[in-house]
Amino acid sequence: IIHLINSVQSKNLTLTTAIILLSVLSIIY
């Protein structure tokens, strides 16, 4: 969530960022 908030604030949210964050989240979950 902190990474997503930072990406949105810096207007740097890309598909690559979303895929990596979602994959890390799902692997650890």
PDB file of all heavy atoms in Angstrom:
ATOM      1  N   ILE A   1       0.841  -1.206   0.000  1.00  0.00           N
ATOM      2  CA  ILE A   1       0.000   0.000   0.000  1.00  0.00           C
ATOM      3  C   ILE A   1       0.875   1.255   0.000  1.00  0.00           C
ATOM      4  O   ILE A   1       0.582   2.221  -0.728  1.00  0.00           O
ATOM      5  CB  ILE A   1      -0.977  -0.018   1.192  1.00  0.00           C
ATOM      6  CG1 ILE A   1      -2.064  -1.050   0.938  1.00  0.00           C
ATOM      7  CG2 ILE A   1      -1.599   1.355   1.415  1.00  0.00           C
ATOM      8  CD1 ILE A   1      -2.995  -1.275   2.106  1.00  0.00           C
ATOM      9  N   ILE A   2       1.946   1.263   0.767  1.00  0.00           N
ATOM     10  CA  ILE A   2       2.853   2.421   0.767  1.00  0.00           C
ATOM     11  C   ILE A   2       3.489   2.598  -0.608  1.00  0.00           C
ATOM     12  O   ILE A   2       3.598   3.726  -1.112  1.00  0.00           O
ATOM     13  CB  ILE A   2       3.917   2.275   1.872  1.00  0.00           C
ATOM     14  CG1 ILE A   2       3.279   2.418   3.247  1.00  0.00           C
ATOM     15  CG2 ILE A   2       5.020   3.323   1.704  1.00  0.00           C
ATOM     16  CD1 ILE A   2       4.216   2.126   4.395  1.00  0.00           C
ATOM     17  N   HIS A   3       3.902   1.501  -1.237  1.00  0.00           N
ATOM     18  CA  HIS A   3       4.466   1.597  -2.587  1.00  0.00           C
ATOM     19  C   HIS A   3       3.436   2.133  -3.581  1.00  0.00           C
ATOM     20  O   HIS A   3       3.770   2.961  -4.440  1.00  0.00           O
ATOM     21  CB  HIS A   3       4.980   0.245  -3.060  1.00  0.00           C
ATOM     22  CG  HIS A   3       6.401  -0.016  -2.711  1.00  0.00           C
ATOM     23  ND1 HIS A   3       7.448   0.690  -3.231  1.00  0.00           N
ATOM     24  CD2 HIS A   3       6.963  -0.929  -1.883  1.00  0.00           C
ATOM     25  CE1 HIS A   3       8.582   0.238  -2.749  1.00  0.00           C
ATOM     26  NE2 HIS A   3       8.309  -0.758  -1.919  1.00  0.00           N
ATOM     27  N   LEU A   4       2.194   1.673  -3.494  1.00  0.00           N
ATOM     28  CA  LEU A   4       1.157   2.162  -4.401  1.00  0.00           C
ATOM     29  C   LEU A   4       0.870   3.644  -4.188  1.00  0.00           C
ATOM     30  O   LEU A   4       0.728   4.404  -5.153  1.00  0.00           O
ATOM     31  CB  LEU A   4      -0.127   1.350  -4.220  1.00  0.00           C
ATOM     32  CG  LEU A   4      -0.150  -0.025  -4.859  1.00  0.00           C
ATOM     33  CD1 LEU A   4      -1.428  -0.767  -4.496  1.00  0.00           C
ATOM     34  CD2 LEU A   4      -0.024   0.085  -6.366  1.00  0.00           C
ATOM     35  N   ILE A   5       0.786   4.058  -2.936  1.00  0.00           N
ATOM     36  CA  ILE A   5       0.548   5.473  -2.644  1.00  0.00           C
ATOM     37  C   ILE A   5       1.689   6.327  -3.176  1.00  0.00           C
ATOM     38  O   ILE A   5       1.464   7.385  -3.778  1.00  0.00           O
ATOM     39  CB  ILE A   5       0.346   5.683  -1.118  1.00  0.00           C
ATOM     40  CG1 ILE A   5      -0.993   5.100  -0.695  1.00  0.00           C
ATOM     41  CG2 ILE A   5       0.425   7.160  -0.749  1.00  0.00           C
ATOM     42  CD1 ILE A   5      -1.203   5.051   0.797  1.00  0.00           C
ATOM     43  N   ASN A   6       2.915   5.870  -2.988  1.00  0.00           N
ATOM     44  CA  ASN A   6       4.068   6.610  -3.484  1.00  0.00           C
ATOM     45  C   ASN A   6       4.065   6.683  -5.015  1.00  0.00           C
ATOM     46  O   ASN A   6       4.389   7.718  -5.592  1.00  0.00           O
ATOM     47  CB  ASN A   6       5.361   5.990  -2.987  1.00  0.00           C
ATOM     48  CG  ASN A   6       6.559   6.796  -3.374  1.00  0.00           C
ATOM     49  OD1 ASN A   6       6.515   8.017  -3.357  1.00  0.00           O
ATOM     50  ND2 ASN A   6       7.638   6.132  -3.744  1.00  0.00           N
ATOM     51  N   SER A   7       3.691   5.593  -5.673  1.00  0.00           N
ATOM     52  CA  SER A   7       3.650   5.592  -7.132  1.00  0.00           C
ATOM     53  C   SER A   7       2.574   6.520  -7.675  1.00  0.00           C
ATOM     54  O   SER A   7       2.780   7.204  -8.676  1.00  0.00           O
ATOM     55  CB  SER A   7       3.407   4.176  -7.655  1.00  0.00           C
ATOM     56  OG  SER A   7       4.475   3.341  -7.321  1.00  0.00           O
ATOM     57  N   VAL A   8       1.436   6.551  -7.016  1.00  0.00           N
ATOM     58  CA  VAL A   8       0.364   7.436  -7.454  1.00  0.00           C
ATOM     59  C   VAL A   8       0.738   8.894  -7.208  1.00  0.00           C
ATOM     60  O   VAL A   8       0.494   9.753  -8.058  1.00  0.00           O
ATOM     61  CB  VAL A   8      -0.963   7.064  -6.748  1.00  0.00           C
ATOM     62  CG1 VAL A   8      -2.025   8.113  -6.974  1.00  0.00           C
ATOM     63  CG2 VAL A   8      -1.445   5.707  -7.233  1.00  0.00           C
ATOM     64  N   GLN A   9       1.349   9.193  -6.062  1.00  0.00           N
ATOM     65  CA  GLN A   9       1.744  10.567  -5.766  1.00  0.00           C
ATOM     66  C   GLN A   9       2.814  11.073  -6.710  1.00  0.00           C
ATOM     67  O   GLN A   9       2.800  12.237  -7.096  1.00  0.00           O
ATOM     68  CB  GLN A   9       2.241  10.680  -4.324  1.00  0.00           C
ATOM     69  CG  GLN A   9       1.143  10.662  -3.305  1.00  0.00           C
ATOM     70  CD  GLN A   9       1.682  10.767  -1.887  1.00  0.00           C
ATOM     71  OE1 GLN A   9       2.871  10.624  -1.653  1.00  0.00           O
ATOM     72  NE2 GLN A   9       0.786  11.010  -0.944  1.00  0.00           N
ATOM     73  N   SER A  10       3.739  10.220  -7.098  1.00  0.00           N
ATOM     74  CA  SER A  10       4.801  10.640  -8.008  1.00  0.00           C
ATOM     75  C   SER A  10       4.394  10.490  -9.476  1.00  0.00           C
ATOM     76  O   SER A  10       5.198  10.750 -10.365  1.00  0.00           O
ATOM     77  CB  SER A  10       6.076   9.838  -7.747  1.00  0.00           C
ATOM     78  OG  SER A  10       5.870   8.481  -8.064  1.00  0.00           O
ATOM     79  N   LYS A  11       3.137  10.101  -9.716  1.00  0.00           N
ATOM     80  CA  LYS A  11       2.594   9.898 -11.065  1.00  0.00           C
ATOM     81  C   LYS A  11       3.470   8.957 -11.879  1.00  0.00           C
ATOM     82  O   LYS A  11       3.766   9.200 -13.042  1.00  0.00           O
ATOM     83  CB  LYS A  11       2.424  11.235 -11.768  1.00  0.00           C
ATOM     84  CG  LYS A  11       1.425  12.125 -11.085  1.00  0.00           C
ATOM     85  CD  LYS A  11       1.299  13.465 -11.747  1.00  0.00           C
ATOM     86  CE  LYS A  11       0.313  14.297 -10.953  1.00  0.00           C
ATOM     87  NZ  LYS A  11       0.357  15.688 -11.329  1.00  0.00           N
ATOM     88  N   ASN A  12       3.886   7.887 -11.226  1.00  0.00           N
ATOM     89  CA  ASN A  12       4.785   6.918 -11.833  1.00  0.00           C
ATOM     90  C   ASN A  12       4.207   5.504 -11.785  1.00  0.00           C
ATOM     91  O   ASN A  12       4.938   4.542 -11.876  1.00  0.00           O
ATOM     92  CB  ASN A  12       6.147   6.965 -11.115  1.00  0.00           C
ATOM     93  CG  ASN A  12       7.224   6.296 -11.912  1.00  0.00           C
ATOM     94  OD1 ASN A  12       7.096   6.103 -13.108  1.00  0.00           O
ATOM     95  ND2 ASN A  12       8.289   5.917 -11.228  1.00  0.00           N
ATOM     96  N   LEU A  13       2.894   5.400 -11.643  1.00  0.00           N
ATOM     97  CA  LEU A  13       2.256   4.083 -11.567  1.00  0.00           C
ATOM     98  C   LEU A  13       2.113   3.521 -12.974  1.00  0.00           C
ATOM     99  O   LEU A  13       1.392   4.060 -13.800  1.00  0.00           O
ATOM    100  CB  LEU A  13       0.894   4.174 -10.885  1.00  0.00           C
ATOM    101  CG  LEU A  13       0.162   2.864 -10.674  1.00  0.00           C
ATOM    102  CD1 LEU A  13       0.955   1.970  -9.735  1.00  0.00           C
ATOM    103  CD2 LEU A  13      -1.209   3.099 -10.119  1.00  0.00           C
ATOM    104  N   THR A  14       2.839   2.442 -13.227  1.00  0.00           N
ATOM    105  CA  THR A  14       2.784   1.798 -14.534  1.00  0.00           C
ATOM    106  C   THR A  14       2.278   0.374 -14.361  1.00  0.00           C
ATOM    107  O   THR A  14       2.121  -0.117 -13.240  1.00  0.00           O
ATOM    108  CB  THR A  14       4.177   1.773 -15.189  1.00  0.00           C
ATOM    109  OG1 THR A  14       5.065   1.028 -14.353  1.00  0.00           O
ATOM    110  CG2 THR A  14       4.713   3.176 -15.391  1.00  0.00           C
ATOM    111  N   LEU A  15       2.053  -0.284 -15.486  1.00  0.00           N
ATOM    112  CA  LEU A  15       1.620  -1.669 -15.451  1.00  0.00           C
ATOM    113  C   LEU A  15       2.699  -2.558 -14.836  1.00  0.00           C
ATOM    114  O   LEU A  15       2.400  -3.490 -14.097  1.00  0.00           O
ATOM    115  CB  LEU A  15       1.271  -2.146 -16.862  1.00  0.00           C
ATOM    116  CG  LEU A  15       0.759  -3.564 -16.985  1.00  0.00           C
ATOM    117  CD1 LEU A  15      -0.559  -3.715 -16.256  1.00  0.00           C
ATOM    118  CD2 LEU A  15       0.619  -3.954 -18.433  1.00  0.00           C
ATOM    119  N   THR A  16       3.943  -2.237 -15.111  1.00  0.00           N
ATOM    120  CA  THR A  16       5.060  -3.005 -14.553  1.00  0.00           C
ATOM    121  C   THR A  16       5.068  -2.926 -13.031  1.00  0.00           C
ATOM    122  O   THR A  16       5.233  -3.933 -12.345  1.00  0.00           O
ATOM    123  CB  THR A  16       6.393  -2.477 -15.112  1.00  0.00           C
ATOM    124  OG1 THR A  16       6.336  -2.519 -16.530  1.00  0.00           O
ATOM    125  CG2 THR A  16       7.552  -3.278 -14.615  1.00  0.00           C
ATOM    126  N   THR A  17       4.881  -1.725 -12.505  1.00  0.00           N
ATOM    127  CA  THR A  17       4.849  -1.539 -11.051  1.00  0.00           C
ATOM    128  C   THR A  17       3.695  -2.321 -10.437  1.00  0.00           C
ATOM    129  O   THR A  17       3.871  -2.991  -9.418  1.00  0.00           O
ATOM    130  CB  THR A  17       4.705  -0.050 -10.715  1.00  0.00           C
ATOM    131  OG1 THR A  17       5.739   0.684 -11.364  1.00  0.00           O
ATOM    132  CG2 THR A  17       4.772   0.194  -9.228  1.00  0.00           C
ATOM    133  N   ALA A  18       2.540  -2.235 -11.063  1.00  0.00           N
ATOM    134  CA  ALA A  18       1.371  -2.933 -10.532  1.00  0.00           C
ATOM    135  C   ALA A  18       1.555  -4.448 -10.566  1.00  0.00           C
ATOM    136  O   ALA A  18       1.186  -5.141  -9.611  1.00  0.00           O
ATOM    137  CB  ALA A  18       0.124  -2.529 -11.323  1.00  0.00           C
ATOM    138  N   ILE A  19       2.147  -4.965 -11.639  1.00  0.00           N
ATOM    139  CA  ILE A  19       2.357  -6.413 -11.751  1.00  0.00           C
ATOM    140  C   ILE A  19       3.328  -6.904 -10.682  1.00  0.00           C
ATOM    141  O   ILE A  19       3.082  -7.920 -10.018  1.00  0.00           O
ATOM    142  CB  ILE A  19       2.850  -6.791 -13.156  1.00  0.00           C
ATOM    143  CG1 ILE A  19       1.711  -6.684 -14.162  1.00  0.00           C
ATOM    144  CG2 ILE A  19       3.408  -8.209 -13.187  1.00  0.00           C
ATOM    145  CD1 ILE A  19       2.134  -6.923 -15.592  1.00  0.00           C
ATOM    146  N   ILE A  20       4.418  -6.183 -10.484  1.00  0.00           N
ATOM    147  CA  ILE A  20       5.407  -6.609  -9.479  1.00  0.00           C
ATOM    148  C   ILE A  20       4.816  -6.553  -8.072  1.00  0.00           C
ATOM    149  O   ILE A  20       4.988  -7.482  -7.275  1.00  0.00           O
ATOM    150  CB  ILE A  20       6.681  -5.758  -9.585  1.00  0.00           C
ATOM    151  CG1 ILE A  20       7.455  -6.150 -10.824  1.00  0.00           C
ATOM    152  CG2 ILE A  20       7.567  -5.898  -8.369  1.00  0.00           C
ATOM    153  CD1 ILE A  20       7.930  -7.586 -10.815  1.00  0.00           C
ATOM    154  N   LEU A  21       4.124  -5.477  -7.747  1.00  0.00           N
ATOM    155  CA  LEU A  21       3.537  -5.368  -6.409  1.00  0.00           C
ATOM    156  C   LEU A  21       2.470  -6.438  -6.180  1.00  0.00           C
ATOM    157  O   LEU A  21       2.404  -7.035  -5.100  1.00  0.00           O
ATOM    158  CB  LEU A  21       2.951  -3.966  -6.203  1.00  0.00           C
ATOM    159  CG  LEU A  21       3.972  -2.843  -6.059  1.00  0.00           C
ATOM    160  CD1 LEU A  21       3.267  -1.497  -5.981  1.00  0.00           C
ATOM    161  CD2 LEU A  21       4.847  -3.054  -4.850  1.00  0.00           C
ATOM    162  N   LEU A  22       1.659  -6.697  -7.187  1.00  0.00           N
ATOM    163  CA  LEU A  22       0.635  -7.729  -7.051  1.00  0.00           C
ATOM    164  C   LEU A  22       1.249  -9.114  -6.933  1.00  0.00           C
ATOM    165  O   LEU A  22       0.766  -9.957  -6.163  1.00  0.00           O
ATOM    166  CB  LEU A  22      -0.331  -7.672  -8.233  1.00  0.00           C
ATOM    167  CG  LEU A  22      -1.538  -8.586  -8.164  1.00  0.00           C
ATOM    168  CD1 LEU A  22      -2.406  -8.212  -6.965  1.00  0.00           C
ATOM    169  CD2 LEU A  22      -2.335  -8.496  -9.442  1.00  0.00           C
ATOM    170  N   SER A  23       2.337  -9.352  -7.643  1.00  0.00           N
ATOM    171  CA  SER A  23       2.976 -10.671  -7.556  1.00  0.00           C
ATOM    172  C   SER A  23       3.624 -10.883  -6.187  1.00  0.00           C
ATOM    173  O   SER A  23       3.504 -11.959  -5.607  1.00  0.00           O
ATOM    174  CB  SER A  23       4.003 -10.850  -8.667  1.00  0.00           C
ATOM    175  OG  SER A  23       5.072  -9.959  -8.500  1.00  0.00           O
ATOM    176  N   VAL A  24       4.284  -9.856  -5.663  1.00  0.00           N
ATOM    177  CA  VAL A  24       4.878  -9.967  -4.319  1.00  0.00           C
ATOM    178  C   VAL A  24       3.778 -10.203  -3.285  1.00  0.00           C
ATOM    179  O   VAL A  24       3.907 -11.063  -2.408  1.00  0.00           O
ATOM    180  CB  VAL A  24       5.695  -8.703  -3.983  1.00  0.00           C
ATOM    181  CG1 VAL A  24       6.042  -8.636  -2.515  1.00  0.00           C
ATOM    182  CG2 VAL A  24       6.951  -8.647  -4.827  1.00  0.00           C
ATOM    183  N   LEU A  25       2.700  -9.463  -3.414  1.00  0.00           N
ATOM    184  CA  LEU A  25       1.584  -9.611  -2.483  1.00  0.00           C
ATOM    185  C   LEU A  25       0.988 -11.016  -2.545  1.00  0.00           C
ATOM    186  O   LEU A  25       0.774 -11.654  -1.509  1.00  0.00           O
ATOM    187  CB  LEU A  25       0.508  -8.568  -2.805  1.00  0.00           C
ATOM    188  CG  LEU A  25      -0.648  -8.442  -1.846  1.00  0.00           C
ATOM    189  CD1 LEU A  25      -0.190  -7.753  -0.574  1.00  0.00           C
ATOM    190  CD2 LEU A  25      -1.770  -7.660  -2.478  1.00  0.00           C
ATOM    191  N   SER A  26       0.773 -11.528  -3.740  1.00  0.00           N
ATOM    192  CA  SER A  26       0.141 -12.845  -3.844  1.00  0.00           C
ATOM    193  C   SER A  26       1.075 -13.979  -3.437  1.00  0.00           C
ATOM    194  O   SER A  26       0.621 -14.972  -2.857  1.00  0.00           O
ATOM    195  CB  SER A  26      -0.396 -13.072  -5.256  1.00  0.00           C
ATOM    196  OG  SER A  26       0.645 -13.074  -6.182  1.00  0.00           O
ATOM    197  N   ILE A  27       2.374 -13.848  -3.697  1.00  0.00           N
ATOM    198  CA  ILE A  27       3.307 -14.898  -3.277  1.00  0.00           C
ATOM    199  C   ILE A  27       3.372 -14.980  -1.757  1.00  0.00           C
ATOM    200  O   ILE A  27       3.273 -16.069  -1.174  1.00  0.00           O
ATOM    201  CB  ILE A  27       4.706 -14.653  -3.879  1.00  0.00           C
ATOM    202  CG1 ILE A  27       4.702 -14.950  -5.368  1.00  0.00           C
ATOM    203  CG2 ILE A  27       5.753 -15.510  -3.181  1.00  0.00           C
ATOM    204  CD1 ILE A  27       5.963 -14.531  -6.076  1.00  0.00           C
ATOM    205  N   ILE A  28       3.519 -13.858  -1.099  1.00  0.00           N
ATOM    206  CA  ILE A  28       3.619 -13.877   0.369  1.00  0.00           C
ATOM    207  C   ILE A  28       2.283 -14.266   0.990  1.00  0.00           C
ATOM    208  O   ILE A  28       2.241 -15.009   1.976  1.00  0.00           O
ATOM    209  CB  ILE A  28       4.152 -12.532   0.886  1.00  0.00           C
ATOM    210  CG1 ILE A  28       5.597 -12.373   0.417  1.00  0.00           C
ATOM    211  CG2 ILE A  28       4.067 -12.458   2.406  1.00  0.00           C
ATOM    212  CD1 ILE A  28       6.272 -11.111   0.846  1.00  0.00           C
ATOM    213  N   TYR A  29       1.160 -13.796   0.426  1.00  0.00           N
ATOM    214  CA  TYR A  29      -0.144 -14.242   0.916  1.00  0.00           C
ATOM    215  C   TYR A  29      -0.281 -15.754   0.773  1.00  0.00           C
ATOM    216  O   TYR A  29      -0.767 -16.426   1.677  1.00  0.00           O
ATOM    217  CB  TYR A  29      -1.275 -13.559   0.135  1.00  0.00           C
ATOM    218  CG  TYR A  29      -1.821 -12.310   0.760  1.00  0.00           C
ATOM    219  CD1 TYR A  29      -0.988 -11.358   1.320  1.00  0.00           C
ATOM    220  CD2 TYR A  29      -3.185 -12.066   0.770  1.00  0.00           C
ATOM    221  CE1 TYR A  29      -1.493 -10.214   1.874  1.00  0.00           C
ATOM    222  CE2 TYR A  29      -3.697 -10.921   1.315  1.00  0.00           C
ATOM    223  CZ  TYR A  29      -2.855  -9.996   1.868  1.00  0.00           C
ATOM    224  OH  TYR A  29      -3.364  -8.866   2.417  1.00  0.00           O
TER     225      TYR A  29
END
